[in-house]
Amino acid sequence: MKRNEFIKISSIAGLSLAIFPQFSFKKFSEEFSRSQLIGKGNPDIVGNTYTSKMHKTAKVAFKEMKAAAAKENINIEVVSAYRSFQRQKQIFEGKYKRFTKQGLTPEDALNKIIEYSTIPGTSRHHWGTDIDLIDANAPRPADVLLPENFHGTGPYCKLKMWLDENAEKFNFYEVYTDNGNRKGFKYEPWHFSYAPVSVAMLKEYKEKIDVKKMLAEEKLLGAENFSDAFILKYKEENILDINPKLLP
């Protein structure tokens, strides 16, 4: 997509949202393959590293957001962007092995993993639309992705306030909000999603991907412990209980 086409689409989307709250980004959808939806290959991903790989239109919007923040001495740094199925599988299975070796039952290990980590094939990072952000100009704590770093006296408070005020102007929305009624993944003030693409991908994901069948086919470690009840709860809470502005 050329830059002027992207700006035109983004402007129309932003104006439509302002005038019509019920407006959905699905109007800008395209058809996505199974591989794209579960992180096994996407021709629209650009970049060379796990912090630079993004969907091509999300990358254009991110660069514009980064430039705007820089004017206020905020250096937005991506610490995680596109993540392939294989990479998510390594993360997931590594945690599964560690937790079960520590004595947790398979069921308890799975529940502990999904407090923050997604099951491979279900991660929003597979789409190249979602990014984890910090401020490179602030002091860097040992563990950057902790909620307390973004509130109170945390090093990323200035970034968080700027994102709260400005991210949506660039069509980036916080995914796992600080809402006491929300279930699923815990609050992640660093995690933002580029809505014009991610809303469309979530819509097709819901329509095309049978999560239990997909996990069985991929032979994921611990998959035999994914009961129907576990999968249903995971879909309703971890996949769909997100910022309502990111739902199809």
Protein backbone atom coordinates (compact mmCIF):
# COMPACT_ATOMS: atom_id res chain seq x y z
CA MET A 1 0.00 0.00 0.00
CA LYS A 2 1.38 3.41 -0.97
CA ARG A 3 1.80 6.05 1.74
CA ASN A 4 -0.87 8.38 0.34
CA GLU A 5 -3.36 5.51 0.13
CA PHE A 6 -2.61 4.52 3.72
CA ILE A 7 -3.10 8.08 4.99
CA LYS A 8 -6.38 8.34 3.10
CA ILE A 9 -7.69 5.10 4.63
CA SER A 10 -6.52 6.02 8.13
CA SER A 11 -8.13 9.46 7.86
CA ILE A 12 -11.43 8.00 6.72
CA ALA A 13 -11.35 5.41 9.51
CA GLY A 14 -10.60 8.03 12.15
CA LEU A 15 -13.34 10.35 10.90
CA SER A 16 -15.85 7.53 10.74
CA LEU A 17 -15.09 6.50 14.32
CA ALA A 18 -15.54 10.05 15.50
CA ILE A 19 -18.90 10.41 13.78
CA PHE A 20 -20.20 6.87 14.11
CA PRO A 21 -19.09 5.10 17.35
CA GLN A 22 -20.41 1.79 16.04
CA PHE A 23 -18.16 2.01 12.98
CA SER A 24 -16.00 -1.07 12.54
CA PHE A 25 -12.57 -1.34 10.95
CA LYS A 26 -13.83 -4.53 9.30
CA LYS A 27 -14.77 -2.33 6.34
CA PHE A 28 -11.08 -2.35 5.46
CA SER A 29 -10.72 -6.11 5.71
CA GLU A 30 -9.20 -8.48 3.20
CA GLU A 31 -9.10 -12.24 3.11
CA PHE A 32 -6.37 -13.77 5.27
CA SER A 33 -4.95 -17.28 4.99
CA ARG A 34 -4.72 -19.82 7.82
CA SER A 35 -0.95 -19.33 7.81
CA GLN A 36 -1.32 -15.57 8.31
CA LEU A 37 -3.85 -16.01 11.11
CA ILE A 38 -1.76 -18.48 13.15
CA GLY A 39 1.68 -16.97 12.54
CA LYS A 40 3.10 -19.33 9.94
CA GLY A 41 3.89 -16.83 7.23
CA ASN A 42 2.60 -13.46 6.06
CA PRO A 43 3.74 -11.65 2.90
CA ASP A 44 2.63 -8.33 4.40
CA ILE A 45 5.19 -8.49 7.23
CA VAL A 46 8.18 -6.18 6.76
CA GLY A 47 11.31 -5.78 8.91
CA ASN A 48 14.31 -7.87 9.88
CA THR A 49 14.13 -8.46 13.64
CA TYR A 50 11.56 -9.39 16.26
CA THR A 51 11.40 -5.73 17.29
CA SER A 52 11.08 -4.34 13.76
CA LYS A 53 8.86 -6.88 11.99
CA MET A 54 5.31 -5.55 11.55
CA HIS A 55 2.45 -5.54 9.10
CA LYS A 56 3.43 -3.02 6.44
CA THR A 57 0.61 -0.56 7.13
CA ALA A 58 1.04 -0.86 10.90
CA LYS A 59 4.71 0.01 10.43
CA VAL A 60 3.87 3.20 8.54
CA ALA A 61 1.47 4.26 11.31
CA PHE A 62 3.98 3.35 14.02
CA LYS A 63 6.71 5.46 12.44
CA GLU A 64 4.34 8.43 12.38
CA MET A 65 3.39 7.87 16.02
CA LYS A 66 7.05 7.54 17.02
CA ALA A 67 7.90 10.79 15.24
CA ALA A 68 5.08 12.61 17.02
CA ALA A 69 6.20 11.32 20.43
CA ALA A 70 9.80 12.34 19.72
CA LYS A 71 8.68 15.97 19.61
CA GLU A 72 7.92 15.62 23.32
CA ASN A 73 11.22 13.88 24.11
CA ILE A 74 9.64 10.43 24.22
CA ASN A 75 11.59 7.79 22.32
CA ILE A 76 9.12 4.97 21.69
CA GLU A 77 10.97 1.67 21.51
CA VAL A 78 9.40 -1.60 20.40
CA VAL A 79 10.52 -4.50 22.57
CA SER A 80 8.33 -7.05 20.80
CA ALA A 81 6.42 -6.93 17.51
CA TYR A 82 5.70 -9.78 15.07
CA ARG A 83 6.14 -13.18 16.64
CA SER A 84 5.95 -16.36 14.58
CA PHE A 85 4.13 -19.53 15.57
CA GLN A 86 7.45 -21.27 16.09
CA ARG A 87 8.77 -18.54 18.39
CA GLN A 88 5.57 -18.54 20.44
CA LYS A 89 5.77 -22.32 20.61
CA GLN A 90 9.30 -22.11 22.05
CA ILE A 91 8.12 -19.64 24.70
CA PHE A 92 5.03 -21.66 25.58
CA GLU A 93 6.69 -25.07 25.72
CA GLY A 94 9.64 -23.69 27.68
CA LYS A 95 7.28 -22.41 30.35
CA TYR A 96 5.26 -25.62 30.30
CA LYS A 97 8.37 -27.73 30.93
CA ARG A 98 9.60 -25.40 33.65
CA PHE A 99 6.31 -25.23 35.54
CA THR A 100 5.63 -28.97 35.40
CA LYS A 101 9.20 -29.69 36.58
CA GLN A 102 8.49 -27.39 39.51
CA GLY A 103 5.65 -29.70 40.48
CA LEU A 104 2.59 -28.06 38.94
CA THR A 105 0.00 -30.31 37.35
CA PRO A 106 -0.36 -29.88 33.57
CA GLU A 107 -3.66 -28.07 34.11
CA ASP A 108 -2.15 -25.68 36.68
CA ALA A 109 0.87 -25.11 34.45
CA LEU A 110 -1.39 -24.13 31.55
CA ASN A 111 -3.39 -21.74 33.70
CA LYS A 112 -0.19 -20.12 34.99
CA ILE A 113 1.21 -19.72 31.47
CA ILE A 114 -1.88 -17.96 30.15
CA GLU A 115 -1.78 -15.28 32.81
CA TYR A 116 0.54 -13.41 30.41
CA SER A 117 1.56 -15.74 27.56
CA THR A 118 -0.60 -16.83 24.67
CA ILE A 119 -0.95 -20.34 23.31
CA PRO A 120 0.86 -20.68 19.94
CA GLY A 121 -1.52 -20.10 17.06
CA THR A 122 -3.64 -17.70 19.12
CA SER A 123 -1.26 -14.78 19.68
CA ARG A 124 -2.14 -11.34 18.36
CA HIS A 125 1.59 -10.86 17.78
CA HIS A 126 1.26 -13.42 14.96
CA TRP A 127 -0.50 -10.75 12.88
CA GLY A 128 2.22 -8.11 12.89
CA THR A 129 -0.31 -5.59 14.19
CA ASP A 130 0.54 -5.70 17.90
CA ILE A 131 3.54 -4.14 19.58
CA ASP A 132 4.94 -3.89 23.12
CA LEU A 133 6.28 -0.42 23.85
CA ILE A 134 8.64 1.33 26.28
CA ASP A 135 10.39 4.71 26.35
CA ALA A 136 14.08 4.36 25.43
CA ASN A 137 14.77 7.78 26.95
CA ALA A 138 13.72 6.63 30.43
CA PRO A 139 15.86 4.61 32.87
CA ARG A 140 15.60 0.94 31.92
CA PRO A 141 14.56 -1.40 34.77
CA ALA A 142 15.67 -5.04 34.83
CA ASP A 143 12.18 -6.18 33.79
CA VAL A 144 10.65 -3.59 31.47
CA LEU A 145 7.19 -5.11 30.97
CA LEU A 146 5.67 -4.69 34.41
CA PRO A 147 2.52 -2.61 35.03
CA GLU A 148 4.17 -0.66 37.85
CA ASN A 149 6.72 0.73 35.38
CA PHE A 150 3.90 2.61 33.66
CA HIS A 151 2.22 4.10 36.73
CA GLY A 152 3.03 6.02 39.90
CA THR A 153 6.72 6.82 39.84
CA GLY A 154 7.56 4.22 37.19
CA PRO A 155 10.02 5.15 34.41
CA TYR A 156 7.41 4.87 31.67
CA CYS A 157 4.69 7.08 33.17
CA LYS A 158 5.33 9.88 30.67
CA LEU A 159 5.06 7.40 27.79
CA LYS A 160 1.83 5.93 29.18
CA MET A 161 0.20 9.35 29.55
CA TRP A 162 1.26 10.28 26.01
CA LEU A 163 -0.12 7.03 24.58
CA ASP A 164 -3.39 7.45 26.46
CA GLU A 165 -3.81 10.85 24.83
CA ASN A 166 -2.41 10.17 21.38
CA ALA A 167 -2.16 6.50 20.36
CA GLU A 168 -5.69 6.30 18.98
CA LYS A 169 -4.95 9.22 16.63
CA PHE A 170 -2.65 6.77 14.85
CA ASN A 171 -5.17 3.89 15.14
CA PHE A 172 -3.26 2.09 17.91
CA TYR A 173 -5.36 0.84 20.84
CA GLU A 174 -4.43 -0.69 24.18
CA VAL A 175 -5.47 -4.35 24.06
CA TYR A 176 -5.58 -5.69 27.63
CA THR A 177 -7.01 -2.74 29.50
CA ASP A 178 -7.06 -2.04 33.23
CA ASN A 179 -10.69 -3.04 33.64
CA GLY A 180 -11.70 -4.96 36.77
CA ASN A 181 -14.50 -6.67 34.87
CA ARG A 182 -12.22 -7.92 32.12
CA LYS A 183 -11.02 -11.52 32.30
CA GLY A 184 -8.27 -13.36 30.47
CA PHE A 185 -4.79 -11.90 30.20
CA LYS A 186 -3.74 -9.51 32.91
CA TYR A 187 -3.41 -5.78 32.35
CA GLU A 188 -0.68 -4.85 29.86
CA PRO A 189 -0.19 -1.07 29.61
CA TRP A 190 2.60 -1.63 27.06
CA HIS A 191 0.61 -3.65 24.50
CA PHE A 192 -1.00 -1.76 21.60
CA SER A 193 -2.68 -2.98 18.43
CA TYR A 194 -3.11 -1.39 15.01
CA ALA A 195 -6.87 -1.63 14.62
CA PRO A 196 -7.45 -1.26 10.85
CA VAL A 197 -5.73 -4.63 10.31
CA SER A 198 -6.10 -6.45 13.64
CA VAL A 199 -9.89 -6.05 13.81
CA ALA A 200 -10.22 -7.59 10.36
CA MET A 201 -7.86 -10.43 11.27
CA LEU A 202 -9.70 -11.20 14.49
CA LYS A 203 -12.97 -11.37 12.55
CA GLU A 204 -11.53 -13.93 10.15
CA TYR A 205 -9.77 -15.80 12.96
CA LYS A 206 -13.13 -16.33 14.67
CA GLU A 207 -14.65 -17.55 11.42
CA LYS A 208 -11.84 -19.78 10.13
CA ILE A 209 -9.84 -21.19 13.04
CA ASP A 210 -11.06 -24.10 15.15
CA VAL A 211 -8.65 -23.57 18.04
CA LYS A 212 -8.87 -27.07 19.53
CA LYS A 213 -8.42 -28.73 16.14
CA MET A 214 -5.55 -26.39 15.23
CA LEU A 215 -3.68 -27.13 18.47
CA ALA A 216 -4.14 -30.88 18.01
CA GLU A 217 -2.81 -30.69 14.45
CA GLU A 218 0.24 -28.69 15.54
CA LYS A 219 1.14 -31.30 18.18
CA LEU A 220 1.84 -28.73 20.86
CA LEU A 221 3.40 -29.98 24.07
CA GLY A 222 0.63 -30.39 26.64
CA ALA A 223 -2.13 -30.21 24.03
CA GLU A 224 -3.72 -33.40 25.39
CA ASN A 225 -4.68 -31.35 28.45
CA PHE A 226 -6.70 -28.84 26.45
CA SER A 227 -10.22 -29.86 27.37
CA ASP A 228 -13.25 -28.49 25.54
CA ALA A 229 -14.06 -26.42 28.63
CA PHE A 230 -10.52 -25.01 28.78
CA ILE A 231 -10.55 -24.04 25.09
CA LEU A 232 -14.00 -22.42 25.33
CA LYS A 233 -12.97 -20.40 28.37
CA TYR A 234 -9.66 -19.42 26.73
CA LYS A 235 -11.43 -18.21 23.57
CA GLU A 236 -14.04 -16.20 25.48
CA GLU A 237 -11.64 -14.66 27.99
CA ASN A 238 -8.13 -14.57 26.50
CA ILE A 239 -8.93 -14.05 22.83
CA LEU A 240 -12.16 -12.05 22.95
CA ASP A 241 -12.26 -10.26 26.32
CA ILE A 242 -10.19 -7.31 25.12
CA ASN A 243 -10.64 -3.60 24.54
CA PRO A 244 -14.12 -3.40 22.91
CA LYS A 245 -12.74 -1.01 20.31
CA LEU A 246 -10.68 -3.91 18.91
CA LEU A 247 -13.61 -6.29 18.47
CA PRO A 248 -15.11 -6.91 15.00
